[in-house]
């Protein structure tokens, strides 16, 4: 999984591609490095009227119960009891992305590799909760 991504396209591009009807984002400068626990733009479907809304949210889920647990950014087992409430449609979102980074560990060093759809880094979306 990844812990670093970017979104460098303007709000208008996100709104158009995601068919956003409500935008409460405010200014959106290019975000070349978005790390866990930072705020970043997402698109949600409002439960009370079904409109798509563009807003900022913090990256990560609250930790599961237990001592020393930190915020969750990736998970692999959707059967975990603590995760069940977050899997409801209400919590789903689209995460706009232009590129993401995967770090490989070689010779004791972390070597980042950036991925995008192509060299122009067009906008795409990850599914999120």
N, C-alpha and C. Protein backbone atom coordinates (compact mmCIF):
# COMPACT_ATOMS: atom_id res chain seq x y z
N UNK A 1 0.85 -1.17 0.00
CA UNK A 1 0.00 0.00 0.00
C UNK A 1 0.89 1.23 0.00
N UNK A 2 0.28 2.38 -0.10
CA UNK A 2 1.06 3.60 -0.19
C UNK A 2 0.76 4.51 1.00
N UNK A 3 1.69 5.37 1.31
CA UNK A 3 1.53 6.34 2.39
C UNK A 3 1.81 7.75 1.93
N UNK A 4 1.92 7.96 0.64
CA UNK A 4 2.21 9.28 0.11
C UNK A 4 1.56 9.37 -1.27
N UNK A 5 0.83 10.45 -1.51
CA UNK A 5 0.24 10.67 -2.84
C UNK A 5 0.16 12.15 -3.12
N UNK A 6 -0.24 12.50 -4.32
CA UNK A 6 -0.34 13.91 -4.69
C UNK A 6 -1.62 14.15 -5.47
N UNK A 7 -2.08 15.39 -5.41
CA UNK A 7 -3.15 15.86 -6.28
C UNK A 7 -2.76 17.28 -6.68
N UNK A 8 -2.47 17.44 -7.96
CA UNK A 8 -1.96 18.72 -8.44
C UNK A 8 -2.86 19.36 -9.48
N UNK A 9 -3.97 18.75 -9.78
CA UNK A 9 -4.93 19.34 -10.73
C UNK A 9 -5.85 20.30 -10.00
N UNK A 10 -6.38 21.30 -10.69
CA UNK A 10 -7.24 22.30 -10.03
C UNK A 10 -8.60 21.75 -9.62
N UNK A 11 -9.23 22.47 -8.71
CA UNK A 11 -10.58 22.10 -8.22
C UNK A 11 -11.55 21.87 -9.36
N UNK A 12 -11.49 22.71 -10.37
CA UNK A 12 -12.45 22.59 -11.48
C UNK A 12 -12.34 21.23 -12.15
N UNK A 13 -11.14 20.70 -12.27
CA UNK A 13 -10.95 19.39 -12.89
C UNK A 13 -11.56 18.30 -12.02
N UNK A 14 -11.36 18.40 -10.71
CA UNK A 14 -11.95 17.43 -9.79
C UNK A 14 -13.47 17.50 -9.85
N UNK A 15 -14.00 18.72 -9.80
CA UNK A 15 -15.47 18.90 -9.84
C UNK A 15 -16.06 18.30 -11.11
N UNK A 16 -15.43 18.57 -12.24
CA UNK A 16 -15.96 18.09 -13.52
C UNK A 16 -15.91 16.57 -13.62
N UNK A 17 -14.76 15.98 -13.32
CA UNK A 17 -14.59 14.54 -13.48
C UNK A 17 -15.45 13.75 -12.50
N UNK A 18 -15.61 14.26 -11.27
CA UNK A 18 -16.40 13.57 -10.26
C UNK A 18 -17.86 14.00 -10.24
N UNK A 19 -18.24 14.90 -11.13
CA UNK A 19 -19.62 15.40 -11.21
C UNK A 19 -20.07 15.97 -9.86
N UNK A 20 -19.22 16.81 -9.28
CA UNK A 20 -19.50 17.46 -8.00
C UNK A 20 -20.53 18.56 -8.20
N UNK A 21 -21.52 18.61 -7.30
CA UNK A 21 -22.54 19.66 -7.37
C UNK A 21 -22.42 20.65 -6.22
N UNK A 22 -21.73 20.28 -5.14
CA UNK A 22 -21.53 21.16 -3.98
C UNK A 22 -20.04 21.19 -3.68
N UNK A 23 -19.48 22.41 -3.66
CA UNK A 23 -18.04 22.57 -3.43
C UNK A 23 -17.84 23.50 -2.25
N UNK A 24 -17.41 22.95 -1.11
CA UNK A 24 -17.13 23.77 0.07
C UNK A 24 -15.62 23.78 0.36
N UNK A 25 -14.85 23.44 -0.64
CA UNK A 25 -13.41 23.25 -0.46
C UNK A 25 -12.66 24.54 -0.18
N UNK A 26 -13.03 25.63 -0.81
CA UNK A 26 -12.23 26.83 -0.70
C UNK A 26 -11.05 26.72 -1.65
N UNK A 27 -9.96 27.41 -1.35
CA UNK A 27 -8.79 27.36 -2.22
C UNK A 27 -8.14 25.99 -2.15
N UNK A 28 -7.63 25.53 -3.28
CA UNK A 28 -6.91 24.26 -3.33
C UNK A 28 -5.61 24.46 -4.09
N UNK A 29 -4.53 24.69 -3.36
CA UNK A 29 -3.24 24.78 -4.04
C UNK A 29 -2.82 23.38 -4.49
N UNK A 30 -1.88 23.27 -5.41
CA UNK A 30 -1.35 21.94 -5.74
C UNK A 30 -0.79 21.29 -4.48
N UNK A 31 -1.09 20.01 -4.29
CA UNK A 31 -0.62 19.27 -3.13
C UNK A 31 0.31 18.15 -3.61
N UNK A 32 1.61 18.45 -3.79
CA UNK A 32 2.52 17.45 -4.34
C UNK A 32 2.89 16.34 -3.36
N UNK A 33 2.64 16.52 -2.07
CA UNK A 33 2.96 15.50 -1.08
C UNK A 33 1.88 15.49 0.00
N UNK A 34 1.03 14.47 -0.02
CA UNK A 34 -0.01 14.31 1.00
C UNK A 34 0.35 13.08 1.81
N UNK A 35 0.62 13.29 3.10
CA UNK A 35 1.00 12.22 4.00
C UNK A 35 -0.17 11.86 4.91
N UNK A 36 -0.14 10.68 5.54
CA UNK A 36 -1.17 10.31 6.51
C UNK A 36 -1.34 11.37 7.58
N UNK A 37 -2.57 11.51 8.04
CA UNK A 37 -3.00 12.46 9.06
C UNK A 37 -3.07 13.90 8.57
N UNK A 38 -2.77 14.16 7.29
CA UNK A 38 -2.96 15.49 6.73
C UNK A 38 -4.36 15.57 6.13
N UNK A 39 -4.84 16.79 5.98
CA UNK A 39 -6.12 16.99 5.31
C UNK A 39 -5.89 17.02 3.80
N UNK A 40 -6.85 16.45 3.08
CA UNK A 40 -6.77 16.38 1.63
C UNK A 40 -8.18 16.39 1.06
N UNK A 41 -8.34 16.75 -0.21
CA UNK A 41 -9.68 16.80 -0.80
C UNK A 41 -10.25 15.40 -1.03
N UNK A 42 -11.55 15.28 -0.80
CA UNK A 42 -12.30 14.06 -1.10
C UNK A 42 -13.66 14.45 -1.67
N UNK A 43 -14.28 13.50 -2.34
CA UNK A 43 -15.64 13.68 -2.85
C UNK A 43 -16.53 12.69 -2.12
N UNK A 44 -17.59 13.20 -1.49
CA UNK A 44 -18.54 12.34 -0.79
C UNK A 44 -19.93 12.54 -1.39
N UNK A 45 -20.78 11.55 -1.21
CA UNK A 45 -22.19 11.69 -1.58
C UNK A 45 -22.96 11.96 -0.30
N UNK A 46 -23.63 13.13 -0.25
CA UNK A 46 -24.36 13.50 0.94
C UNK A 46 -25.56 12.58 1.12
N UNK A 47 -25.74 12.02 2.33
CA UNK A 47 -26.82 11.04 2.53
C UNK A 47 -28.21 11.65 2.50
N UNK A 48 -28.34 12.94 2.81
CA UNK A 48 -29.67 13.53 2.92
C UNK A 48 -30.22 14.06 1.61
N UNK A 49 -29.36 14.30 0.59
CA UNK A 49 -29.90 14.76 -0.69
C UNK A 49 -29.21 14.13 -1.91
N UNK A 50 -28.22 13.27 -1.68
CA UNK A 50 -27.58 12.55 -2.77
C UNK A 50 -26.62 13.36 -3.63
N UNK A 51 -26.39 14.61 -3.28
CA UNK A 51 -25.47 15.44 -4.07
C UNK A 51 -24.03 15.07 -3.75
N UNK A 52 -23.17 15.23 -4.75
CA UNK A 52 -21.74 15.00 -4.54
C UNK A 52 -21.10 16.29 -4.06
N UNK A 53 -20.31 16.16 -2.99
CA UNK A 53 -19.71 17.31 -2.34
C UNK A 53 -18.19 17.16 -2.31
N UNK A 54 -17.49 18.24 -2.61
CA UNK A 54 -16.04 18.29 -2.55
C UNK A 54 -15.64 19.01 -1.26
N UNK A 55 -14.86 18.36 -0.41
CA UNK A 55 -14.45 18.94 0.86
C UNK A 55 -13.11 18.36 1.29
N UNK A 56 -12.56 18.93 2.35
CA UNK A 56 -11.29 18.44 2.90
C UNK A 56 -11.59 17.51 4.07
N UNK A 57 -10.83 16.40 4.13
CA UNK A 57 -10.92 15.46 5.25
C UNK A 57 -9.53 15.00 5.63
N UNK A 58 -9.39 14.54 6.86
CA UNK A 58 -8.13 14.01 7.36
C UNK A 58 -7.94 12.58 6.88
N UNK A 59 -6.72 12.26 6.47
CA UNK A 59 -6.43 10.92 5.97
C UNK A 59 -6.18 9.97 7.15
N UNK A 60 -6.99 8.93 7.25
CA UNK A 60 -6.82 7.91 8.27
C UNK A 60 -8.11 7.66 9.03
N UNK A 61 -8.28 6.43 9.50
CA UNK A 61 -9.42 6.05 10.32
C UNK A 61 -9.02 6.10 11.79
N UNK A 62 -9.98 6.33 12.68
CA UNK A 62 -9.65 6.24 14.11
C UNK A 62 -9.11 4.84 14.41
N UNK A 63 -8.21 4.72 15.38
CA UNK A 63 -7.64 3.41 15.68
C UNK A 63 -8.66 2.47 16.31
N UNK A 64 -8.45 1.17 16.14
CA UNK A 64 -9.33 0.22 16.82
C UNK A 64 -9.08 0.29 18.32
N UNK A 65 -10.03 -0.22 19.12
CA UNK A 65 -9.83 -0.21 20.58
C UNK A 65 -8.57 -0.97 20.96
N UNK A 66 -7.89 -0.47 21.96
CA UNK A 66 -6.70 -1.17 22.45
C UNK A 66 -5.58 -0.21 22.73
N UNK A 67 -4.67 -0.61 23.58
CA UNK A 67 -3.55 0.26 23.93
C UNK A 67 -2.56 0.42 22.79
N UNK A 68 -2.06 1.63 22.64
CA UNK A 68 -0.99 1.89 21.68
C UNK A 68 -1.40 1.86 20.22
N UNK A 69 -2.68 1.79 19.93
CA UNK A 69 -3.13 1.74 18.54
C UNK A 69 -3.08 3.13 17.92
N UNK A 70 -2.54 3.22 16.72
CA UNK A 70 -2.47 4.50 16.02
C UNK A 70 -3.50 4.55 14.90
N UNK A 71 -3.60 5.69 14.25
CA UNK A 71 -4.55 5.86 13.15
C UNK A 71 -4.28 4.81 12.07
N UNK A 72 -5.35 4.35 11.44
CA UNK A 72 -5.28 3.30 10.41
C UNK A 72 -5.33 3.95 9.04
N UNK A 73 -4.39 3.57 8.17
CA UNK A 73 -4.37 4.08 6.80
C UNK A 73 -4.65 3.00 5.78
N UNK A 74 -4.32 1.78 6.11
CA UNK A 74 -4.54 0.64 5.23
C UNK A 74 -5.08 -0.52 6.06
N UNK A 75 -5.92 -1.31 5.45
CA UNK A 75 -6.39 -2.51 6.13
C UNK A 75 -6.58 -3.60 5.09
N UNK A 76 -6.53 -4.83 5.53
CA UNK A 76 -6.59 -5.96 4.61
C UNK A 76 -7.71 -6.93 4.94
N UNK A 77 -8.28 -6.85 6.12
CA UNK A 77 -9.32 -7.78 6.54
C UNK A 77 -10.59 -6.99 6.84
N UNK A 78 -11.54 -7.02 5.92
CA UNK A 78 -12.79 -6.28 6.11
C UNK A 78 -13.73 -6.96 7.09
N UNK A 79 -13.34 -8.10 7.64
CA UNK A 79 -14.17 -8.79 8.64
C UNK A 79 -13.88 -8.33 10.06
N UNK A 80 -12.91 -7.45 10.26
CA UNK A 80 -12.60 -6.95 11.59
C UNK A 80 -13.83 -6.22 12.16
N UNK A 81 -14.20 -6.54 13.40
CA UNK A 81 -15.41 -5.97 14.01
C UNK A 81 -15.34 -4.45 14.11
N UNK A 82 -14.19 -3.89 14.50
CA UNK A 82 -14.07 -2.45 14.68
C UNK A 82 -14.25 -1.69 13.37
N UNK A 83 -14.01 -2.37 12.23
CA UNK A 83 -14.07 -1.73 10.92
C UNK A 83 -15.49 -1.70 10.34
N UNK A 84 -16.36 -2.55 10.80
CA UNK A 84 -17.68 -2.71 10.20
C UNK A 84 -18.48 -1.41 10.06
N UNK A 85 -18.55 -0.55 11.07
CA UNK A 85 -19.33 0.69 10.89
C UNK A 85 -18.83 1.56 9.74
N UNK A 86 -17.52 1.54 9.49
CA UNK A 86 -16.94 2.39 8.44
C UNK A 86 -17.16 1.85 7.03
N UNK A 87 -17.62 0.63 6.91
CA UNK A 87 -17.83 0.04 5.58
C UNK A 87 -19.21 0.36 5.02
N UNK A 88 -20.03 1.03 5.78
CA UNK A 88 -21.37 1.42 5.31
C UNK A 88 -21.23 2.47 4.20
N UNK A 89 -22.19 2.51 3.28
CA UNK A 89 -22.11 3.48 2.17
C UNK A 89 -21.93 4.92 2.61
N UNK A 90 -22.44 5.28 3.77
CA UNK A 90 -22.33 6.65 4.27
C UNK A 90 -20.88 7.12 4.36
N UNK A 91 -19.96 6.22 4.65
CA UNK A 91 -18.56 6.58 4.86
C UNK A 91 -17.71 6.49 3.59
N UNK A 92 -18.26 6.08 2.49
CA UNK A 92 -17.46 5.93 1.28
C UNK A 92 -17.17 7.27 0.63
N UNK A 93 -16.00 7.35 -0.02
CA UNK A 93 -15.63 8.58 -0.69
C UNK A 93 -14.73 8.28 -1.88
N UNK A 94 -14.52 9.30 -2.70
CA UNK A 94 -13.56 9.23 -3.78
C UNK A 94 -12.39 10.14 -3.41
N UNK A 95 -11.18 9.64 -3.62
CA UNK A 95 -9.98 10.40 -3.29
C UNK A 95 -9.31 10.81 -4.60
N UNK A 96 -9.28 12.10 -4.93
CA UNK A 96 -8.62 12.53 -6.16
C UNK A 96 -7.10 12.39 -6.03
N UNK A 97 -6.49 11.87 -7.10
CA UNK A 97 -5.05 11.57 -7.08
C UNK A 97 -4.48 11.88 -8.46
N UNK A 98 -3.27 12.41 -8.49
CA UNK A 98 -2.55 12.53 -9.76
C UNK A 98 -1.35 11.60 -9.81
N UNK A 99 -0.81 11.23 -8.63
CA UNK A 99 0.26 10.23 -8.56
C UNK A 99 0.34 9.71 -7.14
N UNK A 100 0.96 8.54 -6.98
CA UNK A 100 1.16 7.99 -5.65
C UNK A 100 2.53 7.33 -5.58
N UNK A 101 3.00 7.17 -4.36
CA UNK A 101 4.36 6.70 -4.14
C UNK A 101 4.34 5.38 -3.38
N UNK A 102 5.18 4.49 -3.80
CA UNK A 102 5.41 3.23 -3.09
C UNK A 102 6.88 3.16 -2.77
N UNK A 103 7.21 2.92 -1.52
CA UNK A 103 8.61 2.83 -1.11
C UNK A 103 9.04 1.38 -1.01
N UNK A 104 10.12 1.07 -1.61
CA UNK A 104 10.75 -0.24 -1.51
C UNK A 104 11.95 -0.10 -0.59
N UNK A 105 12.26 -1.12 0.14
CA UNK A 105 13.41 -1.08 1.04
C UNK A 105 14.53 -1.89 0.42
N UNK A 106 15.63 -1.19 0.09
CA UNK A 106 16.78 -1.82 -0.53
C UNK A 106 18.04 -1.43 0.24
N UNK A 107 18.80 -2.41 0.64
CA UNK A 107 20.05 -2.18 1.35
C UNK A 107 19.87 -1.25 2.55
N UNK A 108 18.75 -1.43 3.27
CA UNK A 108 18.50 -0.64 4.46
C UNK A 108 17.99 0.77 4.20
N UNK A 109 17.75 1.09 2.94
CA UNK A 109 17.26 2.43 2.59
C UNK A 109 15.86 2.32 2.00
N UNK A 110 15.09 3.37 2.21
CA UNK A 110 13.76 3.46 1.63
C UNK A 110 13.87 4.19 0.29
N UNK A 111 13.50 3.50 -0.79
CA UNK A 111 13.63 4.06 -2.14
C UNK A 111 12.23 4.31 -2.70
N UNK A 112 11.84 5.58 -2.86
CA UNK A 112 10.49 5.88 -3.36
C UNK A 112 10.39 5.71 -4.88
N UNK A 113 9.25 5.19 -5.30
CA UNK A 113 8.93 5.11 -6.73
C UNK A 113 7.55 5.72 -6.91
N UNK A 114 7.45 6.71 -7.78
CA UNK A 114 6.17 7.38 -8.04
C UNK A 114 5.48 6.72 -9.22
N UNK A 115 4.14 6.60 -9.13
CA UNK A 115 3.33 6.01 -10.18
C UNK A 115 2.23 7.00 -10.58
N UNK A 116 1.91 7.04 -11.86
CA UNK A 116 0.82 7.86 -12.38
C UNK A 116 0.26 7.15 -13.60
N UNK A 117 -0.87 7.60 -14.09
CA UNK A 117 -1.45 6.98 -15.28
C UNK A 117 -0.58 7.17 -16.51
N UNK A 118 0.05 8.34 -16.62
CA UNK A 118 1.02 8.60 -17.69
C UNK A 118 1.85 9.81 -17.29
N UNK A 119 2.73 10.25 -18.18
CA UNK A 119 3.65 11.35 -17.84
C UNK A 119 2.96 12.69 -17.60
N UNK A 120 1.73 12.86 -18.10
CA UNK A 120 1.01 14.12 -17.86
C UNK A 120 0.33 14.14 -16.49
N UNK A 121 0.34 13.03 -15.80
CA UNK A 121 -0.28 12.88 -14.48
C UNK A 121 -1.73 13.36 -14.47
N UNK A 122 -2.58 12.70 -15.28
CA UNK A 122 -3.99 13.09 -15.27
C UNK A 122 -4.65 12.67 -13.94
N UNK A 123 -5.76 13.30 -13.66
CA UNK A 123 -6.49 13.03 -12.44
C UNK A 123 -7.19 11.66 -12.53
N UNK A 124 -7.14 10.93 -11.44
CA UNK A 124 -7.93 9.71 -11.28
C UNK A 124 -8.35 9.62 -9.81
N UNK A 125 -9.06 8.60 -9.43
CA UNK A 125 -9.59 8.51 -8.07
C UNK A 125 -9.32 7.14 -7.47
N UNK A 126 -9.03 7.14 -6.17
CA UNK A 126 -9.03 5.92 -5.37
C UNK A 126 -10.34 5.88 -4.63
N UNK A 127 -10.85 4.67 -4.38
CA UNK A 127 -11.99 4.51 -3.51
C UNK A 127 -11.50 4.60 -2.08
N UNK A 128 -12.23 5.27 -1.23
CA UNK A 128 -11.82 5.42 0.16
C UNK A 128 -12.98 5.33 1.11
N UNK A 129 -12.65 5.22 2.38
CA UNK A 129 -13.66 5.29 3.44
C UNK A 129 -13.16 6.23 4.51
